[in-house]
C-alpha atoms as a PDB file:
ATOM      1  CA  MET A   1      56.311 105.316 114.894  1.00  0.00           C
ATOM      2  CA  GLY A   2      56.733 103.459 111.550  1.00  0.00           C
ATOM      3  CA  LYS A   3      56.495  99.718 111.515  1.00  0.00           C
ATOM      4  CA  MET A   4      59.743  97.741 111.232  1.00  0.00           C
ATOM      5  CA  LYS A   5      59.829  95.659 108.126  1.00  0.00           C
ATOM      6  CA  THR A   6      60.901  91.991 108.784  1.00  0.00           C
ATOM      7  CA  LEU A   7      63.411  90.612 106.416  1.00  0.00           C
ATOM      8  CA  SER A   8      63.078  87.205 104.882  1.00  0.00           C
ATOM      9  CA  ALA A   9      65.802  84.713 105.438  1.00  0.00           C
ATOM     10  CA  GLN A  10      67.087  85.313 101.853  1.00  0.00           C
ATOM     11  CA  GLN A  11      67.182  89.137 102.355  1.00  0.00           C
ATOM     12  CA  ALA A  12      68.994  88.790 105.655  1.00  0.00           C
ATOM     13  CA  ALA A  13      71.602  86.435 103.929  1.00  0.00           C
ATOM     14  CA  ASP A  14      72.010  88.956 100.990  1.00  0.00           C
ATOM     15  CA  LEU A  15      72.630  91.805 103.471  1.00  0.00           C
ATOM     16  CA  GLU A  16      75.229  89.675 105.365  1.00  0.00           C
ATOM     17  CA  ASN A  17      76.959  88.780 102.034  1.00  0.00           C
ATOM     18  CA  ILE A  18      77.119  92.519 101.118  1.00  0.00           C
ATOM     19  CA  ARG A  19      78.521  93.290 104.542  1.00  0.00           C
ATOM     20  CA  VAL A  20      81.297  90.664 104.225  1.00  0.00           C
ATOM     21  CA  ILE A  21      82.079  91.877 100.746  1.00  0.00           C
ATOM     22  CA  LYS A  22      82.328  95.483 101.735  1.00  0.00           C
ATOM     23  CA  GLN A  23      84.585  94.423 104.692  1.00  0.00           C
ATOM     24  CA  ALA A  24      86.757  92.339 102.386  1.00  0.00           C
ATOM     25  CA  ASP A  25      87.215  95.467 100.085  1.00  0.00           C
ATOM     26  CA  ASN A  26      88.337  97.452 103.126  1.00  0.00           C
ATOM     27  CA  PRO A  27      92.222  97.609 102.817  1.00  0.00           C
ATOM     28  CA  ASN A  28      92.438  98.086 106.710  1.00  0.00           C
ATOM     29  CA  LYS A  29      90.976  94.555 107.043  1.00  0.00           C
ATOM     30  CA  ARG A  30      93.528  93.005 104.550  1.00  0.00           C
ATOM     31  CA  GLU A  31      97.007  92.290 106.081  1.00  0.00           C
ATOM     32  CA  ALA A  32      98.993  93.154 102.852  1.00  0.00           C
ATOM     33  CA  PHE A  33      97.507  96.565 102.863  1.00  0.00           C
ATOM     34  CA  ALA A  34      97.551  97.160 106.606  1.00  0.00           C
ATOM     35  CA  ILE A  35     101.185  96.563 107.270  1.00  0.00           C
ATOM     36  CA  PRO A  36     103.886  99.212 106.353  1.00  0.00           C
ATOM     37  CA  LEU A  37     105.151  99.091 102.768  1.00  0.00           C
ATOM     38  CA  SER A  38     108.719  98.603 104.037  1.00  0.00           C
ATOM     39  CA  THR A  39     107.651  95.450 105.964  1.00  0.00           C
ATOM     40  CA  LEU A  40     105.791  94.156 102.919  1.00  0.00           C
ATOM     41  CA  VAL A  41     109.020  94.467 100.833  1.00  0.00           C
ATOM     42  CA  ASN A  42     110.875  92.510 103.492  1.00  0.00           C
ATOM     43  CA  VAL A  43     108.199  89.828 103.728  1.00  0.00           C
ATOM     44  CA  TRP A  44     108.067  89.488  99.904  1.00  0.00           C
ATOM     45  CA  ARG A  45     111.983  89.255  99.830  1.00  0.00           C
ATOM     46  CA  ALA A  46     111.874  86.593 102.546  1.00  0.00           C
ATOM     47  CA  LYS A  47     109.472  84.536 100.713  1.00  0.00           C
ATOM     48  CA  PHE A  48     110.487  84.880  97.164  1.00  0.00           C
ATOM     49  CA  GLY A  49     114.159  86.367  97.392  1.00  0.00           C
ATOM     50  CA  ASP A  50     115.209  88.033  94.106  1.00  0.00           C
ATOM     51  CA  VAL A  51     113.897  85.500  91.730  1.00  0.00           C
ATOM     52  CA  TRP A  52     111.128  86.006  89.131  1.00  0.00           C
ATOM     53  CA  VAL A  53     107.640  84.922  90.358  1.00  0.00           C
ATOM     54  CA  ASP A  54     104.821  83.817  87.968  1.00  0.00           C
ATOM     55  CA  VAL A  55     102.239  86.254  89.166  1.00  0.00           C
ATOM     56  CA  SER A  56      99.406  84.092  87.529  1.00  0.00           C
ATOM     57  CA  GLU A  57     100.279  81.234  90.002  1.00  0.00           C
ATOM     58  CA  LEU A  58      99.822  83.305  93.062  1.00  0.00           C
ATOM     59  CA  GLU A  59      96.814  81.713  94.813  1.00  0.00           C
ATOM     60  CA  ASP A  60      97.042  82.997  98.413  1.00  0.00           C
ATOM     61  CA  GLU A  61      95.018  86.161  98.956  1.00  0.00           C
ATOM     62  CA  PHE A  62      97.880  87.810 100.921  1.00  0.00           C
ATOM     63  CA  TRP A  63     100.434  87.296  98.133  1.00  0.00           C
ATOM     64  CA  LEU A  64      97.996  88.590  95.425  1.00  0.00           C
ATOM     65  CA  ASP A  65      97.318  91.690  97.445  1.00  0.00           C
ATOM     66  CA  ALA A  66     101.065  92.013  98.126  1.00  0.00           C
ATOM     67  CA  SER A  67     101.878  91.738  94.488  1.00  0.00           C
ATOM     68  CA  SER A  68      99.249  94.400  93.644  1.00  0.00           C
ATOM     69  CA  ARG A  69     100.345  96.848  96.211  1.00  0.00           C
ATOM     70  CA  LEU A  70     104.064  96.396  95.364  1.00  0.00           C
ATOM     71  CA  HIS A  71     103.280  96.983  91.627  1.00  0.00           C
ATOM     72  CA  ARG A  72     101.139 100.110  92.323  1.00  0.00           C
ATOM     73  CA  ASN A  73     103.992 101.557  94.321  1.00  0.00           C
ATOM     74  CA  LYS A  74     106.359 100.800  91.537  1.00  0.00           C
ATOM     75  CA  LEU A  75     108.499  98.486  93.589  1.00  0.00           C
ATOM     76  CA  MET A  76     108.254  95.531  91.108  1.00  0.00           C
ATOM     77  CA  GLU A  77     109.627  95.064  87.731  1.00  0.00           C
ATOM     78  CA  GLU A  78     107.632  92.786  85.277  1.00  0.00           C
ATOM     79  CA  VAL A  79     108.081  90.894  82.241  1.00  0.00           C
ATOM     80  CA  GLU A  80     105.706  89.043  79.917  1.00  0.00           C
ATOM     81  CA  PHE A  81     106.931  86.558  77.282  1.00  0.00           C
ATOM     82  CA  ARG A  82     105.109  86.848  73.935  1.00  0.00           C
ATOM     83  CA  GLU A  83     104.773  83.008  73.713  1.00  0.00           C
ATOM     84  CA  SER A  84     102.840  82.608  76.989  1.00  0.00           C
ATOM     85  CA  ASN A  85     101.439  86.163  77.991  1.00  0.00           C
ATOM     86  CA  THR A  86     102.277  85.048  81.538  1.00  0.00           C
ATOM     87  CA  PRO A  87     103.347  88.010  83.769  1.00  0.00           C
ATOM     88  CA  TRP A  88     106.494  87.406  85.770  1.00  0.00           C
ATOM     89  CA  ALA A  89     107.606  89.959  88.465  1.00  0.00           C
ATOM     90  CA  ARG A  90     110.273  90.494  91.026  1.00  0.00           C
ATOM     91  CA  LEU A  91     111.228  93.170  93.481  1.00  0.00           C
ATOM     92  CA  LYS A  92     113.393  95.964  92.038  1.00  0.00           C
ATOM     93  CA  GLU A  93     116.880  96.062  93.379  1.00  0.00           C
ATOM     94  CA  ASP A  94     116.346  99.300  95.122  1.00  0.00           C
ATOM     95  CA  ALA A  95     113.130  98.364  96.679  1.00  0.00           C
END
């Protein structure tokens, strides 16, 4: 049998970081992607209502993921003002 190579502490830490990153990129491990889309619409509406939201100010990972998912499913309308290039979004009326 072949010899098992022993990893240095740095190599082990690097492997753990890669595992964590891969896990974070798994949509099944991120709540905004794991819940049903209809639930996500209801949660967004409960949090923000029908007002325009400055997407650049979303800091919480859940709301960033939610915004991304809702946009990709064409459930959001968006506007950018020429003066600021700030994206604002809100749920479409029929979402």
